[in-house]
Amino acid sequence: MIVCHSRRLIVFSFPKTGSETLRAVFAPLAEEPVRPWRQTSRLYPFYPHMSPLEARMLFRRRGWDFDGYRRVTCVRNPYPRLVSLYRMIRQVDGLWHLRARLGLPVPGFRDWLRASRPDGRGGGGRRHQRWRRYGTWSAHAWCHAPDGAPLVTDILRLDHLDSDLPPLMSALGMEPPAVFPVLNRRPGPDWRLWYDADTTALVARRYAWELAKFHSIGPIPLGPVRAA
């Protein structure tokens, strides 16, 4: 998350959508300290994956004009985004690691996906794991208030940052780099191999708004489904 009062800009870090890349691009404009969620306080309330709704409530409590800021976020195709999030959870979840060491089953991708939500508790996890909670939110839930009011003004597309970012940076008086940095990208198996017909349809229903508005991927060629 980046907050710049002098240029009236907020950049929100929607989990698993290139948020580290955006933070690196806009870091020179940062004017508010951003700390891990467990280190936040009344004096330092901002944390990396603060949602637009949380930010609006905070701005209003401080008497700041949230609607007067340019509010930017990035979206990513939900099919690879959800696979990326699941793989990250598998890497860091201590309980899942313990179960695996004891020879007990851990949630496979299909079961985890069905149990997740596109809003509310989202991907679950502990209270401080905001990246996990918001990681399964739909772009509509992330970008809109419960009453449907838009919370962001600019929505970038991760797969098209080369074309989406330069006009925004120029409008902010920034010089776009020749090549945008790509940070925290982890190689992995083709995300299409993680889906079957049921989970493909589930994602299509839950994330219909963003798929129709931002992504055109065509039919997903289903391969052998991974159990985990």
Protein backbone atom coordinates (compact mmCIF):
# COMPACT_ATOMS: atom_id res chain seq x y z
CA MET A 1 0.00 0.00 0.00
CA ILE A 2 1.17 3.50 -0.86
CA VAL A 3 -0.35 6.71 0.50
CA CYS A 4 0.77 10.03 -0.99
CA HIS A 5 -1.03 13.08 0.38
CA SER A 6 0.83 15.64 -1.72
CA ARG A 7 -0.38 14.02 -4.94
CA ARG A 8 -3.61 12.71 -3.39
CA LEU A 9 -2.89 9.12 -4.32
CA ILE A 10 -3.57 5.75 -2.69
CA VAL A 11 -2.26 2.53 -4.22
CA PHE A 12 -3.93 -0.59 -2.82
CA SER A 13 -2.22 -3.98 -2.76
CA PHE A 14 -4.80 -6.59 -3.76
CA PRO A 15 -3.07 -9.88 -2.76
CA LYS A 16 -1.53 -12.00 -5.52
CA THR A 17 -1.97 -9.34 -8.19
CA GLY A 18 1.58 -8.05 -8.51
CA SER A 19 1.31 -5.93 -5.37
CA GLU A 20 5.06 -5.98 -4.69
CA THR A 21 5.71 -4.69 -8.19
CA LEU A 22 3.25 -1.81 -7.70
CA ARG A 23 4.74 -0.94 -4.32
CA ALA A 24 8.20 -0.80 -5.89
CA VAL A 25 7.00 1.44 -8.74
CA PHE A 26 5.23 3.91 -6.45
CA ALA A 27 7.61 3.70 -3.47
CA PRO A 28 9.15 7.14 -4.23
CA LEU A 29 5.73 8.71 -3.55
CA ALA A 30 5.11 7.00 -0.19
CA GLU A 31 4.38 9.51 2.58
CA GLU A 32 2.79 7.27 5.22
CA PRO A 33 4.66 4.45 6.97
CA VAL A 34 3.23 1.03 6.20
CA ARG A 35 3.84 -1.71 8.75
CA PRO A 36 2.92 -5.40 9.08
CA TRP A 37 -0.61 -5.78 10.40
CA ARG A 38 0.57 -6.97 13.85
CA GLN A 39 2.71 -3.84 14.19
CA THR A 40 -0.04 -1.35 13.37
CA SER A 41 -1.26 1.14 15.96
CA ARG A 42 -3.36 4.27 16.17
CA LEU A 43 -0.28 6.25 15.15
CA TYR A 44 0.72 3.82 12.36
CA PRO A 45 -2.50 2.22 11.09
CA PHE A 46 -1.53 1.41 7.50
CA TYR A 47 -0.47 -2.13 6.55
CA PRO A 48 0.45 -3.66 3.15
CA HIS A 49 -2.85 -5.34 2.21
CA MET A 50 -5.27 -2.86 3.75
CA SER A 51 -8.52 -3.05 1.79
CA PRO A 52 -10.08 0.01 0.15
CA LEU A 53 -13.04 -0.26 2.53
CA GLU A 54 -10.76 -0.24 5.58
CA ALA A 55 -8.88 2.73 4.17
CA ARG A 56 -12.08 4.66 3.57
CA MET A 57 -13.15 4.14 7.19
CA LEU A 58 -9.72 5.21 8.44
CA PHE A 59 -9.63 8.32 6.24
CA ARG A 60 -13.07 9.35 7.44
CA ARG A 61 -12.10 8.90 11.09
CA ARG A 62 -9.14 11.22 10.51
CA GLY A 63 -11.21 13.76 8.63
CA TRP A 64 -9.38 13.14 5.34
CA ASP A 65 -11.16 13.38 2.00
CA PHE A 66 -10.95 9.78 0.77
CA ASP A 67 -13.04 10.55 -2.31
CA GLY A 68 -10.66 13.33 -3.24
CA TYR A 69 -7.75 10.91 -3.75
CA ARG A 70 -6.91 8.94 -6.85
CA ARG A 71 -7.32 5.34 -5.70
CA VAL A 72 -5.45 2.67 -7.65
CA THR A 73 -5.42 -1.10 -7.49
CA CYS A 74 -4.49 -4.00 -9.74
CA VAL A 75 -6.43 -7.12 -10.72
CA ARG A 76 -5.36 -10.50 -12.02
CA ASN A 77 -7.17 -13.33 -13.70
CA PRO A 78 -8.77 -15.22 -10.78
CA TYR A 79 -7.92 -18.67 -12.14
CA PRO A 80 -4.11 -18.36 -11.79
CA ARG A 81 -4.50 -16.00 -8.82
CA LEU A 82 -6.30 -18.63 -6.74
CA VAL A 83 -3.79 -21.33 -7.62
CA SER A 84 -0.94 -19.00 -6.66
CA LEU A 85 -2.60 -18.22 -3.34
CA TYR A 86 -3.24 -21.87 -2.55
CA ARG A 87 0.38 -22.77 -3.27
CA MET A 88 1.54 -19.98 -0.97
CA ILE A 89 -0.72 -21.23 1.83
CA ARG A 90 0.69 -24.73 1.38
CA GLN A 91 4.18 -23.28 1.86
CA VAL A 92 3.51 -21.27 5.02
CA ASP A 93 0.60 -22.83 6.93
CA GLY A 94 2.04 -24.39 10.08
CA LEU A 95 -0.99 -26.56 10.81
CA TRP A 96 -0.97 -28.00 7.31
CA HIS A 97 2.75 -28.77 7.69
CA LEU A 98 2.11 -30.51 11.00
CA ARG A 99 -0.70 -32.60 9.53
CA ALA A 100 1.54 -33.60 6.64
CA ARG A 101 4.35 -34.67 9.03
CA LEU A 102 1.85 -36.78 10.98
CA GLY A 103 0.66 -38.43 7.80
CA LEU A 104 -2.73 -36.70 7.98
CA PRO A 105 -4.42 -35.20 4.93
CA VAL A 106 -4.28 -31.49 4.17
CA PRO A 107 -6.90 -29.71 2.09
CA GLY A 108 -6.47 -30.28 -1.61
CA PHE A 109 -7.02 -27.45 -4.03
CA ARG A 110 -10.58 -28.43 -4.88
CA ASP A 111 -11.71 -28.73 -1.25
CA TRP A 112 -9.90 -25.54 -0.25
CA LEU A 113 -11.42 -23.61 -3.14
CA ARG A 114 -14.96 -24.78 -2.36
CA ALA A 115 -14.51 -23.80 1.31
CA SER A 116 -13.17 -20.33 0.49
CA ARG A 117 -15.33 -17.27 -0.12
CA PRO A 118 -15.09 -14.34 -2.59
CA ASP A 119 -15.76 -11.87 0.24
CA GLY A 120 -16.11 -11.86 4.04
CA ARG A 121 -13.69 -14.34 5.58
CA GLY A 122 -12.31 -15.05 2.12
CA GLY A 123 -9.40 -17.48 2.26
CA GLY A 124 -9.49 -17.78 6.05
CA GLY A 125 -6.27 -17.94 8.02
CA ARG A 126 -5.25 -16.13 11.17
CA ARG A 127 -6.36 -12.61 11.90
CA HIS A 128 -3.06 -11.05 10.81
CA GLN A 129 -2.95 -12.97 7.52
CA ARG A 130 -4.78 -10.33 5.54
CA TRP A 131 -3.13 -11.51 2.32
CA ARG A 132 -4.83 -14.85 2.84
CA ARG A 133 -8.24 -13.46 3.73
CA TYR A 134 -8.37 -10.95 0.89
CA GLY A 135 -6.58 -13.23 -1.57
CA THR A 136 -9.79 -15.05 -2.49
CA TRP A 137 -11.96 -11.96 -2.60
CA SER A 138 -13.48 -11.11 -5.92
CA ALA A 139 -12.33 -7.90 -7.56
CA HIS A 140 -15.87 -6.61 -7.19
CA ALA A 141 -15.82 -7.17 -3.41
CA TRP A 142 -12.36 -5.58 -3.15
CA CYS A 143 -13.22 -2.53 -5.26
CA HIS A 144 -16.73 -1.80 -3.98
CA ALA A 145 -18.40 -0.99 -0.69
CA PRO A 146 -21.21 -3.27 0.54
CA ASP A 147 -23.75 -0.83 -0.92
CA GLY A 148 -22.07 -1.09 -4.33
CA ALA A 149 -20.32 2.29 -4.22
CA PRO A 150 -16.94 2.20 -6.00
CA LEU A 151 -13.92 2.47 -3.70
CA VAL A 152 -11.22 2.80 -6.39
CA THR A 153 -10.80 5.09 -9.37
CA ASP A 154 -8.22 3.18 -11.43
CA ILE A 155 -8.03 -0.59 -11.95
CA LEU A 156 -4.86 -1.87 -13.59
CA ARG A 157 -4.49 -5.31 -15.14
CA LEU A 158 -1.46 -7.34 -14.10
CA ASP A 159 -1.10 -8.90 -17.54
CA HIS A 160 -1.16 -5.46 -19.17
CA LEU A 161 0.90 -3.30 -16.81
CA ASP A 162 3.16 -2.26 -19.68
CA SER A 163 0.22 -0.48 -21.29
CA ASP A 164 -1.88 0.38 -18.21
CA LEU A 165 0.79 1.91 -15.98
CA PRO A 166 2.55 4.52 -18.16
CA PRO A 167 -0.51 6.80 -18.62
CA LEU A 168 -1.16 6.72 -14.88
CA MET A 169 2.45 7.46 -14.01
CA SER A 170 2.60 10.29 -16.54
CA ALA A 171 -0.55 11.82 -15.05
CA LEU A 172 1.17 11.75 -11.66
CA GLY A 173 4.30 13.42 -13.00
CA MET A 174 6.39 10.23 -12.89
CA GLU A 175 8.69 8.92 -15.59
CA PRO A 176 7.66 5.39 -16.56
CA PRO A 177 10.59 2.96 -16.60
CA ALA A 178 11.65 1.31 -19.83
CA VAL A 179 10.88 -2.07 -18.28
CA PHE A 180 8.63 -2.55 -15.28
CA PRO A 181 10.07 -4.72 -12.50
CA VAL A 182 8.38 -8.06 -11.91
CA LEU A 183 8.84 -9.03 -8.27
CA ASN A 184 7.91 -12.10 -6.25
CA ARG A 185 6.96 -14.19 -9.28
CA ARG A 186 7.33 -17.87 -8.51
CA PRO A 187 7.52 -20.42 -11.31
CA GLY A 188 5.05 -23.24 -11.04
CA PRO A 189 3.00 -25.75 -12.99
CA ASP A 190 0.43 -24.60 -15.50
CA TRP A 191 -2.52 -23.31 -13.48
CA ARG A 192 -4.94 -24.93 -15.93
CA LEU A 193 -3.91 -28.33 -14.61
CA TRP A 194 -5.39 -27.51 -11.20
CA TYR A 195 -8.98 -27.19 -12.42
CA ASP A 196 -11.71 -29.65 -13.27
CA ALA A 197 -15.12 -28.85 -14.76
CA ASP A 198 -16.72 -28.20 -11.37
CA THR A 199 -14.04 -25.85 -10.03
CA THR A 200 -13.82 -24.07 -13.38
CA ALA A 201 -17.56 -23.38 -13.20
CA LEU A 202 -17.29 -22.34 -9.55
CA VAL A 203 -14.69 -19.68 -10.32
CA ALA A 204 -16.69 -18.52 -13.34
CA ARG A 205 -19.72 -17.91 -11.08
CA ARG A 206 -17.91 -16.31 -8.16
CA TYR A 207 -15.72 -14.02 -10.24
CA ALA A 208 -18.05 -13.31 -13.17
CA TRP A 209 -17.77 -9.52 -12.87
CA GLU A 210 -14.01 -9.32 -13.20
CA LEU A 211 -13.79 -12.08 -15.81
CA ALA A 212 -16.25 -10.21 -18.01
CA LYS A 213 -14.73 -6.79 -17.41
CA PHE A 214 -10.98 -7.40 -17.39
CA HIS A 215 -10.05 -10.86 -18.62
CA SER A 216 -10.54 -12.79 -21.83
CA ILE A 217 -9.06 -16.25 -21.53
CA GLY A 218 -11.44 -18.40 -23.54
CA PRO A 219 -12.21 -21.99 -22.62
CA ILE A 220 -9.86 -23.61 -20.15
CA PRO A 221 -8.39 -26.83 -21.58
CA LEU A 222 -8.77 -29.20 -18.66
CA GLY A 223 -5.82 -31.41 -17.88
CA PRO A 224 -5.22 -34.02 -15.19
CA VAL A 225 -6.49 -32.47 -11.96
CA ARG A 226 -4.05 -32.08 -9.09
CA ALA A 227 -5.39 -33.32 -5.75
CA ALA A 228 -3.16 -30.89 -3.84
